Amino acid sequence: MEIISARLKQLRKDKHLTLREVSEATGISNSTISEIETGEHGCTAGTLKLLADFYGVSTDYLLGNTDNPNTSIFTVADTDGTITTIEYQLIDKLKGLTVEDMIEIEKYVDYLKAKKEVEKNEK
């Protein structure tokens, strides 16, 4: 619970918002937000999602599952609609790379896929 409290408080401070402003924007009471930020009060899944959406971060960031607050902008999914842990970690590692780096990575991924297809057809 400490990580949620710390991250919510830091996000609010980074955006120079008061508890009242967050309360008015989210519909969560001023006292509840204060209690969540101080760790006195737990955070329901609905409240967590509401605050994550308000601050533009993922719930995984608030929960401490990632240090990347911007993972919510990715919409990568497998055919069944899920993203695996390794895929998520690879996406997270792309942060800070240049466009040229991304092009090189894309070429390598295409190479690996083509290689797999050739091996599959040779069997």
PDB file of N, CA and C in Angstrom:
ATOM      1  N   MET A   1       0.821  -1.195   0.000  1.00  0.00           N
ATOM      2  CA  MET A   1       0.000   0.000   0.000  1.00  0.00           C
ATOM      3  C   MET A   1       0.865   1.259   0.000  1.00  0.00           C
ATOM      4  N   GLU A   2       2.065   1.173   0.549  1.00  0.00           N
ATOM      5  CA  GLU A   2       2.938   2.339   0.639  1.00  0.00           C
ATOM      6  C   GLU A   2       3.286   2.892  -0.736  1.00  0.00           C
ATOM      7  N   ILE A   3       3.508   2.004  -1.706  1.00  0.00           N
ATOM      8  CA  ILE A   3       3.900   2.479  -3.032  1.00  0.00           C
ATOM      9  C   ILE A   3       2.755   3.231  -3.693  1.00  0.00           C
ATOM     10  N   ILE A   4       1.534   2.749  -3.508  1.00  0.00           N
ATOM     11  CA  ILE A   4       0.374   3.437  -4.074  1.00  0.00           C
ATOM     12  C   ILE A   4       0.276   4.837  -3.474  1.00  0.00           C
ATOM     13  N   SER A   5       0.374   4.914  -2.170  1.00  0.00           N
ATOM     14  CA  SER A   5       0.286   6.203  -1.477  1.00  0.00           C
ATOM     15  C   SER A   5       1.353   7.165  -1.967  1.00  0.00           C
ATOM     16  N   ALA A   6       2.585   6.685  -2.025  1.00  0.00           N
ATOM     17  CA  ALA A   6       3.702   7.544  -2.428  1.00  0.00           C
ATOM     18  C   ALA A   6       3.552   8.010  -3.868  1.00  0.00           C
ATOM     19  N   ARG A   7       3.163   7.109  -4.746  1.00  0.00           N
ATOM     20  CA  ARG A   7       3.050   7.482  -6.159  1.00  0.00           C
ATOM     21  C   ARG A   7       1.886   8.442  -6.397  1.00  0.00           C
ATOM     22  N   LEU A   8       0.769   8.215  -5.726  1.00  0.00           N
ATOM     23  CA  LEU A   8      -0.363   9.129  -5.892  1.00  0.00           C
ATOM     24  C   LEU A   8      -0.019  10.521  -5.378  1.00  0.00           C
ATOM     25  N   LYS A   9       0.629  10.577  -4.243  1.00  0.00           N
ATOM     26  CA  LYS A   9       1.013  11.874  -3.680  1.00  0.00           C
ATOM     27  C   LYS A   9       2.004  12.586  -4.601  1.00  0.00           C
ATOM     28  N   GLN A  10       2.979  11.846  -5.130  1.00  0.00           N
ATOM     29  CA  GLN A  10       3.973  12.447  -6.017  1.00  0.00           C
ATOM     30  C   GLN A  10       3.339  12.932  -7.322  1.00  0.00           C
ATOM     31  N   LEU A  11       2.430  12.155  -7.870  1.00  0.00           N
ATOM     32  CA  LEU A  11       1.745  12.566  -9.093  1.00  0.00           C
ATOM     33  C   LEU A  11       0.968  13.858  -8.876  1.00  0.00           C
ATOM     34  N   ARG A  12       0.281  13.946  -7.752  1.00  0.00           N
ATOM     35  CA  ARG A  12      -0.487  15.149  -7.449  1.00  0.00           C
ATOM     36  C   ARG A  12       0.442  16.352  -7.317  1.00  0.00           C
ATOM     37  N   LYS A  13       1.538  16.172  -6.610  1.00  0.00           N
ATOM     38  CA  LYS A  13       2.493  17.271  -6.415  1.00  0.00           C
ATOM     39  C   LYS A  13       3.161  17.669  -7.731  1.00  0.00           C
ATOM     40  N   ASP A  14       3.507  16.679  -8.557  1.00  0.00           N
ATOM     41  CA  ASP A  14       4.131  16.971  -9.852  1.00  0.00           C
ATOM     42  C   ASP A  14       3.224  17.812 -10.738  1.00  0.00           C
ATOM     43  N   LYS A  15       1.918  17.613 -10.604  1.00  0.00           N
ATOM     44  CA  LYS A  15       0.955  18.369 -11.406  1.00  0.00           C
ATOM     45  C   LYS A  15       0.489  19.645 -10.693  1.00  0.00           C
ATOM     46  N   HIS A  16       1.090  19.895  -9.524  1.00  0.00           N
ATOM     47  CA  HIS A  16       0.769  21.102  -8.733  1.00  0.00           C
ATOM     48  C   HIS A  16      -0.729  21.210  -8.442  1.00  0.00           C
ATOM     49  N   LEU A  17      -1.302  20.089  -8.000  1.00  0.00           N
ATOM     50  CA  LEU A  17      -2.726  20.032  -7.683  1.00  0.00           C
ATOM     51  C   LEU A  17      -2.922  19.926  -6.175  1.00  0.00           C
ATOM     52  N   THR A  18      -4.005  20.493  -5.718  1.00  0.00           N
ATOM     53  CA  THR A  18      -4.380  20.346  -4.311  1.00  0.00           C
ATOM     54  C   THR A  18      -5.279  19.122  -4.179  1.00  0.00           C
ATOM     55  N   LEU A  19      -5.453  18.671  -2.946  1.00  0.00           N
ATOM     56  CA  LEU A  19      -6.382  17.566  -2.702  1.00  0.00           C
ATOM     57  C   LEU A  19      -7.781  17.930  -3.187  1.00  0.00           C
ATOM     58  N   ARG A  20      -8.164  19.160  -2.964  1.00  0.00           N
ATOM     59  CA  ARG A  20      -9.503  19.622  -3.374  1.00  0.00           C
ATOM     60  C   ARG A  20      -9.665  19.545  -4.896  1.00  0.00           C
ATOM     61  N   GLU A  21      -8.633  19.936  -5.630  1.00  0.00           N
ATOM     62  CA  GLU A  21      -8.717  19.899  -7.094  1.00  0.00           C
ATOM     63  C   GLU A  21      -8.856  18.466  -7.605  1.00  0.00           C
ATOM     64  N   VAL A  22      -8.112  17.553  -7.008  1.00  0.00           N
ATOM     65  CA  VAL A  22      -8.223  16.143  -7.401  1.00  0.00           C
ATOM     66  C   VAL A  22      -9.607  15.625  -7.035  1.00  0.00           C
ATOM     67  N   SER A  23     -10.079  15.992  -5.871  1.00  0.00           N
ATOM     68  CA  SER A  23     -11.404  15.578  -5.417  1.00  0.00           C
ATOM     69  C   SER A  23     -12.494  16.064  -6.370  1.00  0.00           C
ATOM     70  N   GLU A  24     -12.432  17.313  -6.737  1.00  0.00           N
ATOM     71  CA  GLU A  24     -13.439  17.884  -7.635  1.00  0.00           C
ATOM     72  C   GLU A  24     -13.390  17.233  -9.019  1.00  0.00           C
ATOM     73  N   ALA A  25     -12.202  16.923  -9.498  1.00  0.00           N
ATOM     74  CA  ALA A  25     -12.057  16.343 -10.826  1.00  0.00           C
ATOM     75  C   ALA A  25     -12.453  14.865 -10.884  1.00  0.00           C
ATOM     76  N   THR A  26     -12.267  14.155  -9.781  1.00  0.00           N
ATOM     77  CA  THR A  26     -12.523  12.712  -9.779  1.00  0.00           C
ATOM     78  C   THR A  26     -13.825  12.306  -9.102  1.00  0.00           C
ATOM     79  N   GLY A  27     -14.346  13.171  -8.255  1.00  0.00           N
ATOM     80  CA  GLY A  27     -15.544  12.820  -7.493  1.00  0.00           C
ATOM     81  C   GLY A  27     -15.235  12.002  -6.251  1.00  0.00           C
ATOM     82  N   ILE A  28     -13.951  11.815  -5.956  1.00  0.00           N
ATOM     83  CA  ILE A  28     -13.534  11.115  -4.750  1.00  0.00           C
ATOM     84  C   ILE A  28     -13.404  12.155  -3.647  1.00  0.00           C
ATOM     85  N   SER A  29     -13.905  11.853  -2.465  1.00  0.00           N
ATOM     86  CA  SER A  29     -13.877  12.864  -1.408  1.00  0.00           C
ATOM     87  C   SER A  29     -12.451  13.276  -1.060  1.00  0.00           C
ATOM     88  N   ASN A  30     -12.339  14.528  -0.660  1.00  0.00           N
ATOM     89  CA  ASN A  30     -11.067  15.116  -0.257  1.00  0.00           C
ATOM     90  C   ASN A  30     -10.413  14.275   0.845  1.00  0.00           C
ATOM     91  N   SER A  31     -11.202  13.873   1.821  1.00  0.00           N
ATOM     92  CA  SER A  31     -10.657  13.106   2.944  1.00  0.00           C
ATOM     93  C   SER A  31     -10.190  11.716   2.507  1.00  0.00           C
ATOM     94  N   THR A  32     -10.914  11.090   1.567  1.00  0.00           N
ATOM     95  CA  THR A  32     -10.511   9.768   1.080  1.00  0.00           C
ATOM     96  C   THR A  32      -9.178   9.850   0.346  1.00  0.00           C
ATOM     97  N   ILE A  33      -9.018  10.856  -0.500  1.00  0.00           N
ATOM     98  CA  ILE A  33      -7.753  11.027  -1.219  1.00  0.00           C
ATOM     99  C   ILE A  33      -6.617  11.244  -0.228  1.00  0.00           C
ATOM    100  N   SER A  34      -6.857  12.069   0.770  1.00  0.00           N
ATOM    101  CA  SER A  34      -5.843  12.326   1.786  1.00  0.00           C
ATOM    102  C   SER A  34      -5.474  11.040   2.519  1.00  0.00           C
ATOM    103  N   GLU A  35      -6.476  10.258   2.891  1.00  0.00           N
ATOM    104  CA  GLU A  35      -6.223   9.013   3.616  1.00  0.00           C
ATOM    105  C   GLU A  35      -5.492   7.992   2.752  1.00  0.00           C
ATOM    106  N   ILE A  36      -5.790   7.962   1.454  1.00  0.00           N
ATOM    107  CA  ILE A  36      -5.081   7.055   0.546  1.00  0.00           C
ATOM    108  C   ILE A  36      -3.617   7.488   0.433  1.00  0.00           C
ATOM    109  N   GLU A  37      -3.406   8.796   0.276  1.00  0.00           N
ATOM    110  CA  GLU A  37      -2.037   9.302   0.126  1.00  0.00           C
ATOM    111  C   GLU A  37      -1.195   9.112   1.390  1.00  0.00           C
ATOM    112  N   THR A  38      -1.816   9.109   2.539  1.00  0.00           N
ATOM    113  CA  THR A  38      -1.062   8.913   3.787  1.00  0.00           C
ATOM    114  C   THR A  38      -1.001   7.441   4.189  1.00  0.00           C
ATOM    115  N   GLY A  39      -1.692   6.587   3.458  1.00  0.00           N
ATOM    116  CA  GLY A  39      -1.686   5.163   3.754  1.00  0.00           C
ATOM    117  C   GLY A  39      -2.667   4.761   4.832  1.00  0.00           C
ATOM    118  N   GLU A  40      -3.493   5.679   5.277  1.00  0.00           N
ATOM    119  CA  GLU A  40      -4.480   5.380   6.316  1.00  0.00           C
ATOM    120  C   GLU A  40      -5.676   4.619   5.771  1.00  0.00           C
ATOM    121  N   HIS A  41      -5.899   4.704   4.469  1.00  0.00           N
ATOM    122  CA  HIS A  41      -7.084   4.138   3.845  1.00  0.00           C
ATOM    123  C   HIS A  41      -6.653   3.329   2.636  1.00  0.00           C
ATOM    124  N   GLY A  42      -7.269   2.170   2.450  1.00  0.00           N
ATOM    125  CA  GLY A  42      -6.982   1.369   1.270  1.00  0.00           C
ATOM    126  C   GLY A  42      -7.605   1.976   0.030  1.00  0.00           C
ATOM    127  N   CYS A  43      -7.311   1.408  -1.088  1.00  0.00           N
ATOM    128  CA  CYS A  43      -7.805   1.918  -2.361  1.00  0.00           C
ATOM    129  C   CYS A  43      -8.506   0.777  -3.096  1.00  0.00           C
ATOM    130  N   THR A  44      -9.780   0.935  -3.387  1.00  0.00           N
ATOM    131  CA  THR A  44     -10.500  -0.090  -4.127  1.00  0.00           C
ATOM    132  C   THR A  44     -10.012  -0.113  -5.567  1.00  0.00           C
ATOM    133  N   ALA A  45     -10.316  -1.195  -6.273  1.00  0.00           N
ATOM    134  CA  ALA A  45      -9.907  -1.308  -7.671  1.00  0.00           C
ATOM    135  C   ALA A  45     -10.515  -0.191  -8.510  1.00  0.00           C
ATOM    136  N   GLY A  46     -11.771   0.142  -8.230  1.00  0.00           N
ATOM    137  CA  GLY A  46     -12.434   1.212  -8.974  1.00  0.00           C
ATOM    138  C   GLY A  46     -11.788   2.564  -8.737  1.00  0.00           C
ATOM    139  N   THR A  47     -11.454   2.847  -7.495  1.00  0.00           N
ATOM    140  CA  THR A  47     -10.802   4.112  -7.159  1.00  0.00           C
ATOM    141  C   THR A  47      -9.409   4.166  -7.769  1.00  0.00           C
ATOM    142  N   LEU A  48      -8.691   3.053  -7.720  1.00  0.00           N
ATOM    143  CA  LEU A  48      -7.359   2.987  -8.303  1.00  0.00           C
ATOM    144  C   LEU A  48      -7.416   3.289  -9.805  1.00  0.00           C
ATOM    145  N   LYS A  49      -8.369   2.673 -10.490  1.00  0.00           N
ATOM    146  CA  LYS A  49      -8.533   2.892 -11.939  1.00  0.00           C
ATOM    147  C   LYS A  49      -8.902   4.337 -12.233  1.00  0.00           C
ATOM    148  N   LEU A  50      -9.782   4.895 -11.447  1.00  0.00           N
ATOM    149  CA  LEU A  50     -10.197   6.283 -11.625  1.00  0.00           C
ATOM    150  C   LEU A  50      -9.011   7.236 -11.471  1.00  0.00           C
ATOM    151  N   LEU A  51      -8.206   7.014 -10.441  1.00  0.00           N
ATOM    152  CA  LEU A  51      -7.033   7.866 -10.213  1.00  0.00           C
ATOM    153  C   LEU A  51      -5.972   7.659 -11.289  1.00  0.00           C
ATOM    154  N   ALA A  52      -5.774   6.423 -11.719  1.00  0.00           N
ATOM    155  CA  ALA A  52      -4.811   6.148 -12.793  1.00  0.00           C
ATOM    156  C   ALA A  52      -5.226   6.878 -14.066  1.00  0.00           C
ATOM    157  N   ASP A  53      -6.504   6.806 -14.406  1.00  0.00           N
ATOM    158  CA  ASP A  53      -7.004   7.511 -15.591  1.00  0.00           C
ATOM    159  C   ASP A  53      -6.845   9.019 -15.439  1.00  0.00           C
ATOM    160  N   PHE A  54      -7.158   9.526 -14.264  1.00  0.00           N
ATOM    161  CA  PHE A  54      -7.042  10.969 -14.016  1.00  0.00           C
ATOM    162  C   PHE A  54      -5.605  11.454 -14.207  1.00  0.00           C
ATOM    163  N   TYR A  55      -4.645  10.703 -13.679  1.00  0.00           N
ATOM    164  CA  TYR A  55      -3.239  11.107 -13.774  1.00  0.00           C
ATOM    165  C   TYR A  55      -2.579  10.667 -15.080  1.00  0.00           C
ATOM    166  N   GLY A  56      -3.274   9.859 -15.869  1.00  0.00           N
ATOM    167  CA  GLY A  56      -2.720   9.406 -17.143  1.00  0.00           C
ATOM    168  C   GLY A  56      -1.617   8.376 -16.999  1.00  0.00           C
ATOM    169  N   VAL A  57      -1.744   7.518 -15.988  1.00  0.00           N
ATOM    170  CA  VAL A  57      -0.769   6.459 -15.761  1.00  0.00           C
ATOM    171  C   VAL A  57      -1.510   5.128 -15.715  1.00  0.00           C
ATOM    172  N   SER A  58      -0.757   4.048 -15.703  1.00  0.00           N
ATOM    173  CA  SER A  58      -1.386   2.730 -15.614  1.00  0.00           C
ATOM    174  C   SER A  58      -1.587   2.338 -14.154  1.00  0.00           C
ATOM    175  N   THR A  59      -2.525   1.444 -13.934  1.00  0.00           N
ATOM    176  CA  THR A  59      -2.708   0.919 -12.583  1.00  0.00           C
ATOM    177  C   THR A  59      -1.481   0.107 -12.176  1.00  0.00           C
ATOM    178  N   ASP A  60      -0.816  -0.517 -13.143  1.00  0.00           N
ATOM    179  CA  ASP A  60       0.413  -1.250 -12.831  1.00  0.00           C
ATOM    180  C   ASP A  60       1.474  -0.315 -12.254  1.00  0.00           C
ATOM    181  N   TYR A  61       1.541   0.900 -12.756  1.00  0.00           N
ATOM    182  CA  TYR A  61       2.490   1.873 -12.217  1.00  0.00           C
ATOM    183  C   TYR A  61       2.122   2.204 -10.771  1.00  0.00           C
ATOM    184  N   LEU A  62       0.854   2.479 -10.518  1.00  0.00           N
ATOM    185  CA  LEU A  62       0.426   2.817  -9.160  1.00  0.00           C
ATOM    186  C   LEU A  62       0.653   1.660  -8.193  1.00  0.00           C
ATOM    187  N   LEU A  63       0.492   0.443  -8.676  1.00  0.00           N
ATOM    188  CA  LEU A  63       0.679  -0.736  -7.825  1.00  0.00           C
ATOM    189  C   LEU A  63       2.146  -1.102  -7.625  1.00  0.00           C
ATOM    190  N   GLY A  64       3.029  -0.491  -8.401  1.00  0.00           N
ATOM    191  CA  GLY A  64       4.447  -0.782  -8.276  1.00  0.00           C
ATOM    192  C   GLY A  64       4.919  -1.945  -9.130  1.00  0.00           C
ATOM    193  N   ASN A  65       4.083  -2.384 -10.069  1.00  0.00           N
ATOM    194  CA  ASN A  65       4.465  -3.487 -10.951  1.00  0.00           C
ATOM    195  C   ASN A  65       5.430  -3.049 -12.043  1.00  0.00           C
ATOM    196  N   THR A  66       5.515  -1.743 -12.283  1.00  0.00           N
ATOM    197  CA  THR A  66       6.429  -1.171 -13.257  1.00  0.00           C
ATOM    198  C   THR A  66       6.834   0.213 -12.773  1.00  0.00           C
ATOM    199  N   ASP A  67       7.990   0.649 -13.218  1.00  0.00           N
ATOM    200  CA  ASP A  67       8.422   2.010 -12.911  1.00  0.00           C
ATOM    201  C   ASP A  67       8.117   2.951 -14.058  1.00  0.00           C
ATOM    202  N   ASN A  68       7.515   2.438 -15.110  1.00  0.00           N
ATOM    203  CA  ASN A  68       7.152   3.249 -16.266  1.00  0.00           C
ATOM    204  C   ASN A  68       5.697   3.699 -16.117  1.00  0.00           C
ATOM    205  N   PRO A  69       5.485   4.977 -15.833  1.00  0.00           N
ATOM    206  CA  PRO A  69       4.103   5.443 -15.651  1.00  0.00           C
ATOM    207  C   PRO A  69       3.301   5.479 -16.938  1.00  0.00           C
ATOM    208  N   ASN A  70       3.963   5.410 -18.069  1.00  0.00           N
ATOM    209  CA  ASN A  70       3.290   5.596 -19.347  1.00  0.00           C
ATOM    210  C   ASN A  70       2.923   4.312 -20.058  1.00  0.00           C
ATOM    211  N   THR A  71       2.970   3.186 -19.400  1.00  0.00           N
ATOM    212  CA  THR A  71       2.678   1.928 -20.074  1.00  0.00           C
ATOM    213  C   THR A  71       1.239   1.838 -20.555  1.00  0.00           C
ATOM    214  N   SER A  72       0.375   2.665 -20.023  1.00  0.00           N
ATOM    215  CA  SER A  72      -1.024   2.612 -20.438  1.00  0.00           C
ATOM    216  C   SER A  72      -1.219   3.052 -21.873  1.00  0.00           C
ATOM    217  N   ILE A  73      -0.222   3.703 -22.485  1.00  0.00           N
ATOM    218  CA  ILE A  73      -0.373   4.157 -23.865  1.00  0.00           C
ATOM    219  C   ILE A  73      -0.176   3.020 -24.863  1.00  0.00           C
ATOM    220  N   PHE A  74       0.344   1.872 -24.433  1.00  0.00           N
ATOM    221  CA  PHE A  74       0.574   0.759 -25.323  1.00  0.00           C
ATOM    222  C   PHE A  74      -0.691  -0.075 -25.459  1.00  0.00           C
ATOM    223  N   THR A  75      -1.013  -0.453 -26.679  1.00  0.00           N
ATOM    224  CA  THR A  75      -2.172  -1.303 -26.921  1.00  0.00           C
ATOM    225  C   THR A  75      -1.749  -2.550 -27.678  1.00  0.00           C
ATOM    226  N   VAL A  76      -0.694  -3.179 -27.246  1.00  0.00           N
ATOM    227  CA  VAL A  76      -0.191  -4.395 -27.872  1.00  0.00           C
ATOM    228  C   VAL A  76      -0.844  -5.589 -27.202  1.00  0.00           C
ATOM    229  N   ALA A  77      -1.330  -6.517 -28.002  1.00  0.00           N
ATOM    230  CA  ALA A  77      -1.982  -7.691 -27.418  1.00  0.00           C
ATOM    231  C   ALA A  77      -1.761  -8.904 -28.315  1.00  0.00           C
ATOM    232  N   ASP A  78      -1.788 -10.071 -27.710  1.00  0.00           N
ATOM    233  CA  ASP A  78      -1.737 -11.315 -28.472  1.00  0.00           C
ATOM    234  C   ASP A  78      -3.098 -11.524 -29.123  1.00  0.00           C
ATOM    235  N   THR A  79      -3.190 -12.565 -29.941  1.00  0.00           N
ATOM    236  CA  THR A  79      -4.457 -12.835 -30.618  1.00  0.00           C
ATOM    237  C   THR A  79      -5.595 -13.077 -29.646  1.00  0.00           C
ATOM    238  N   ASP A  80      -5.266 -13.546 -28.440  1.00  0.00           N
ATOM    239  CA  ASP A  80      -6.318 -13.772 -27.454  1.00  0.00           C
ATOM    240  C   ASP A  80      -6.578 -12.526 -26.605  1.00  0.00           C
ATOM    241  N   GLY A  81      -5.921 -11.409 -26.939  1.00  0.00           N
ATOM    242  CA  GLY A  81      -6.171 -10.157 -26.243  1.00  0.00           C
ATOM    243  C   GLY A  81      -5.320  -9.921 -25.017  1.00  0.00           C
ATOM    244  N   THR A  82      -4.321 -10.769 -24.776  1.00  0.00           N
ATOM    245  CA  THR A  82      -3.482 -10.594 -23.595  1.00  0.00           C
ATOM    246  C   THR A  82      -2.061 -10.234 -24.005  1.00  0.00           C
ATOM    247  N   ILE A  83      -1.340  -9.702 -23.088  1.00  0.00           N
ATOM    248  CA  ILE A  83       0.070  -9.408 -23.310  1.00  0.00           C
ATOM    249  C   ILE A  83       0.865 -10.191 -22.281  1.00  0.00           C
ATOM    250  N   THR A  84       1.886 -10.872 -22.736  1.00  0.00           N
ATOM    251  CA  THR A  84       2.669 -11.689 -21.826  1.00  0.00           C
ATOM    252  C   THR A  84       3.654 -10.815 -21.056  1.00  0.00           C
ATOM    253  N   THR A  85       4.168 -11.346 -19.978  1.00  0.00           N
ATOM    254  CA  THR A  85       5.126 -10.612 -19.150  1.00  0.00           C
ATOM    255  C   THR A  85       6.362 -10.230 -19.946  1.00  0.00           C
ATOM    256  N   ILE A  86       6.885 -11.147 -20.747  1.00  0.00           N
ATOM    257  CA  ILE A  86       8.095 -10.849 -21.514  1.00  0.00           C
ATOM    258  C   ILE A  86       7.821  -9.768 -22.562  1.00  0.00           C
ATOM    259  N   GLU A  87       6.645  -9.801 -23.171  1.00  0.00           N
ATOM    260  CA  GLU A  87       6.294  -8.756 -24.138  1.00  0.00           C
ATOM    261  C   GLU A  87       6.208  -7.396 -23.446  1.00  0.00           C
ATOM    262  N   TYR A  88       5.612  -7.389 -22.289  1.00  0.00           N
ATOM    263  CA  TYR A  88       5.492  -6.159 -21.522  1.00  0.00           C
ATOM    264  C   TYR A  88       6.871  -5.612 -21.156  1.00  0.00           C
ATOM    265  N   GLN A  89       7.762  -6.496 -20.747  1.00  0.00           N
ATOM    266  CA  GLN A  89       9.110  -6.069 -20.375  1.00  0.00           C
ATOM    267  C   GLN A  89       9.866  -5.533 -21.581  1.00  0.00           C
ATOM    268  N   LEU A  90       9.683  -6.162 -22.739  1.00  0.00           N
ATOM    269  CA  LEU A  90      10.335  -5.672 -23.947  1.00  0.00           C
ATOM    270  C   LEU A  90       9.815  -4.291 -24.336  1.00  0.00           C
ATOM    271  N   ILE A  91       8.538  -4.090 -24.230  1.00  0.00           N
ATOM    272  CA  ILE A  91       7.956  -2.779 -24.531  1.00  0.00           C
ATOM    273  C   ILE A  91       8.535  -1.728 -23.596  1.00  0.00           C
ATOM    274  N   ASP A  92       8.642  -2.079 -22.329  1.00  0.00           N
ATOM    275  CA  ASP A  92       9.178  -1.147 -21.336  1.00  0.00           C
ATOM    276  C   ASP A  92      10.631  -0.771 -21.661  1.00  0.00           C
ATOM    277  N   LYS A  93      11.382  -1.708 -22.219  1.00  0.00           N
ATOM    278  CA  LYS A  93      12.792  -1.451 -22.542  1.00  0.00           C
ATOM    279  C   LYS A  93      12.958  -0.544 -23.760  1.00  0.00           C
ATOM    280  N   LEU A  94      11.917  -0.350 -24.533  1.00  0.00           N
ATOM    281  CA  LEU A  94      11.999   0.511 -25.713  1.00  0.00           C
ATOM    282  C   LEU A  94      12.048   1.995 -25.357  1.00  0.00           C
ATOM    283  N   LYS A  95      11.692   2.296 -24.134  1.00  0.00           N
ATOM    284  CA  LYS A  95      11.660   3.687 -23.676  1.00  0.00           C
ATOM    285  C   LYS A  95      13.031   4.348 -23.877  1.00  0.00           C
ATOM    286  N   GLY A  96      13.037   5.487 -24.508  1.00  0.00           N
ATOM    287  CA  GLY A  96      14.257   6.258 -24.676  1.00  0.00           C
ATOM    288  C   GLY A  96      15.038   5.947 -25.943  1.00  0.00           C
ATOM    289  N   LEU A  97      14.605   4.952 -26.694  1.00  0.00           N
ATOM    290  CA  LEU A  97      15.303   4.634 -27.936  1.00  0.00           C
ATOM    291  C   LEU A  97      14.901   5.612 -29.038  1.00  0.00           C
ATOM    292  N   THR A  98      15.800   5.791 -29.984  1.00  0.00           N
ATOM    293  CA  THR A  98      15.527   6.691 -31.104  1.00  0.00           C
ATOM    294  C   THR A  98      14.696   5.982 -32.155  1.00  0.00           C
ATOM    295  N   VAL A  99      14.189   6.742 -33.107  1.00  0.00           N
ATOM    296  CA  VAL A  99      13.437   6.162 -34.221  1.00  0.00           C
ATOM    297  C   VAL A  99      14.332   5.195 -34.993  1.00  0.00           C
ATOM    298  N   GLU A 100      15.576   5.584 -35.180  1.00  0.00           N
ATOM    299  CA  GLU A 100      16.522   4.716 -35.885  1.00  0.00           C
ATOM    300  C   GLU A 100      16.703   3.387 -35.150  1.00  0.00           C
ATOM    301  N   ASP A 101      16.785   3.459 -33.818  1.00  0.00           N
ATOM    302  CA  ASP A 101      16.890   2.240 -33.014  1.00  0.00           C
ATOM    303  C   ASP A 101      15.670   1.356 -33.224  1.00  0.00           C
ATOM    304  N   MET A 102      14.507   1.967 -33.236  1.00  0.00           N
ATOM    305  CA  MET A 102      13.256   1.219 -33.409  1.00  0.00           C
ATOM    306  C   MET A 102      13.216   0.545 -34.775  1.00  0.00           C
ATOM    307  N   ILE A 103      13.709   1.232 -35.799  1.00  0.00           N
ATOM    308  CA  ILE A 103      13.738   0.660 -37.149  1.00  0.00           C
ATOM    309  C   ILE A 103      14.650  -0.561 -37.174  1.00  0.00           C
ATOM    310  N   GLU A 104      15.789  -0.464 -36.507  1.00  0.00           N
ATOM    311  CA  GLU A 104      16.711  -1.601 -36.433  1.00  0.00           C
ATOM    312  C   GLU A 104      16.061  -2.779 -35.699  1.00  0.00           C
ATOM    313  N   ILE A 105      15.375  -2.491 -34.628  1.00  0.00           N
ATOM    314  CA  ILE A 105      14.688  -3.548 -33.871  1.00  0.00           C
ATOM    315  C   ILE A 105      13.613  -4.188 -34.742  1.00  0.00           C
ATOM    316  N   GLU A 106      12.860  -3.368 -35.456  1.00  0.00           N
ATOM    317  CA  GLU A 106      11.815  -3.893 -36.331  1.00  0.00           C
ATOM    318  C   GLU A 106      12.404  -4.808 -37.401  1.00  0.00           C
ATOM    319  N   LYS A 107      13.538  -4.411 -37.994  1.00  0.00           N
ATOM    320  CA  LYS A 107      14.200  -5.238 -39.006  1.00  0.00           C
ATOM    321  C   LYS A 107      14.620  -6.577 -38.405  1.00  0.00           C
ATOM    322  N   TYR A 108      15.143  -6.543 -37.184  1.00  0.00           N
ATOM    323  CA  TYR A 108      15.582  -7.774 -36.546  1.00  0.00           C
ATOM    324  C   TYR A 108      14.394  -8.687 -36.229  1.00  0.00           C
ATOM    325  N   VAL A 109      13.316  -8.119 -35.782  1.00  0.00           N
ATOM    326  CA  VAL A 109      12.113  -8.911 -35.504  1.00  0.00           C
ATOM    327  C   VAL A 109      11.608  -9.546 -36.800  1.00  0.00           C
ATOM    328  N   ASP A 110      11.582  -8.764 -37.884  1.00  0.00           N
ATOM    329  CA  ASP A 110      11.163  -9.307 -39.182  1.00  0.00           C
ATOM    330  C   ASP A 110      12.078 -10.458 -39.610  1.00  0.00           C
ATOM    331  N   TYR A 111      13.373 -10.297 -39.394  1.00  0.00           N
ATOM    332  CA  TYR A 111      14.348 -11.344 -39.714  1.00  0.00           C
ATOM    333  C   TYR A 111      14.050 -12.622 -38.916  1.00  0.00           C
ATOM    334  N   LEU A 112      13.832 -12.459 -37.600  1.00  0.00           N
ATOM    335  CA  LEU A 112      13.549 -13.628 -36.763  1.00  0.00           C
ATOM    336  C   LEU A 112      12.275 -14.344 -37.197  1.00  0.00           C
ATOM    337  N   LYS A 113      11.249 -13.580 -37.539  1.00  0.00           N
ATOM    338  CA  LYS A 113       9.987 -14.184 -37.978  1.00  0.00           C
ATOM    339  C   LYS A 113      10.157 -14.919 -39.301  1.00  0.00           C
ATOM    340  N   ALA A 114      10.906 -14.317 -40.226  1.00  0.00           N
ATOM    341  CA  ALA A 114      11.145 -14.956 -41.520  1.00  0.00           C
ATOM    342  C   ALA A 114      11.947 -16.244 -41.330  1.00  0.00           C
ATOM    343  N   LYS A 115      12.930 -16.201 -40.463  1.00  0.00           N
ATOM    344  CA  LYS A 115      13.761 -17.368 -40.175  1.00  0.00           C
ATOM    345  C   LYS A 115      12.900 -18.504 -39.610  1.00  0.00           C
ATOM    346  N   LYS A 116      11.992 -18.156 -38.703  1.00  0.00           N
ATOM    347  CA  LYS A 116      11.096 -19.169 -38.123  1.00  0.00           C
ATOM    348  C   LYS A 116      10.193 -19.776 -39.189  1.00  0.00           C
ATOM    349  N   GLU A 117       9.725 -18.938 -40.082  1.00  0.00           N
ATOM    350  CA  GLU A 117       8.832 -19.417 -41.143  1.00  0.00           C
ATOM    351  C   GLU A 117       9.570 -20.384 -42.071  1.00  0.00           C
ATOM    352  N   VAL A 118      10.810 -20.065 -42.402  1.00  0.00           N
ATOM    353  CA  VAL A 118      11.618 -20.948 -43.243  1.00  0.00           C
ATOM    354  C   VAL A 118      11.834 -22.288 -42.542  1.00  0.00           C
ATOM    355  N   GLU A 119      12.194 -22.232 -41.256  1.00  0.00           N
ATOM    356  CA  GLU A 119      12.417 -23.470 -40.491  1.00  0.00           C
ATOM    357  C   GLU A 119      11.145 -24.307 -40.419  1.00  0.00           C
ATOM    358  N   LYS A 120      10.016 -23.643 -40.272  1.00  0.00           N
ATOM    359  CA  LYS A 120       8.723 -24.333 -40.196  1.00  0.00           C
ATOM    360  C   LYS A 120       8.421 -25.040 -41.529  1.00  0.00           C
ATOM    361  N   ASN A 121       8.706 -24.359 -42.628  1.00  0.00           N
ATOM    362  CA  ASN A 121       8.419 -24.918 -43.952  1.00  0.00           C
ATOM    363  C   ASN A 121       9.371 -26.037 -44.332  1.00  0.00           C
ATOM    364  N   GLU A 122      10.557 -26.061 -43.736  1.00  0.00           N
ATOM    365  CA  GLU A 122      11.537 -27.112 -44.022  1.00  0.00           C
ATOM    366  C   GLU A 122      11.207 -28.421 -43.320  1.00  0.00           C
ATOM    367  N   LYS A 123      10.351 -28.393 -42.328  1.00  0.00           N
ATOM    368  CA  LYS A 123       9.989 -29.604 -41.572  1.00  0.00           C
ATOM    369  C   LYS A 123       9.014 -30.466 -42.289  1.00  0.00           C
TER     370      LYS A 123
END
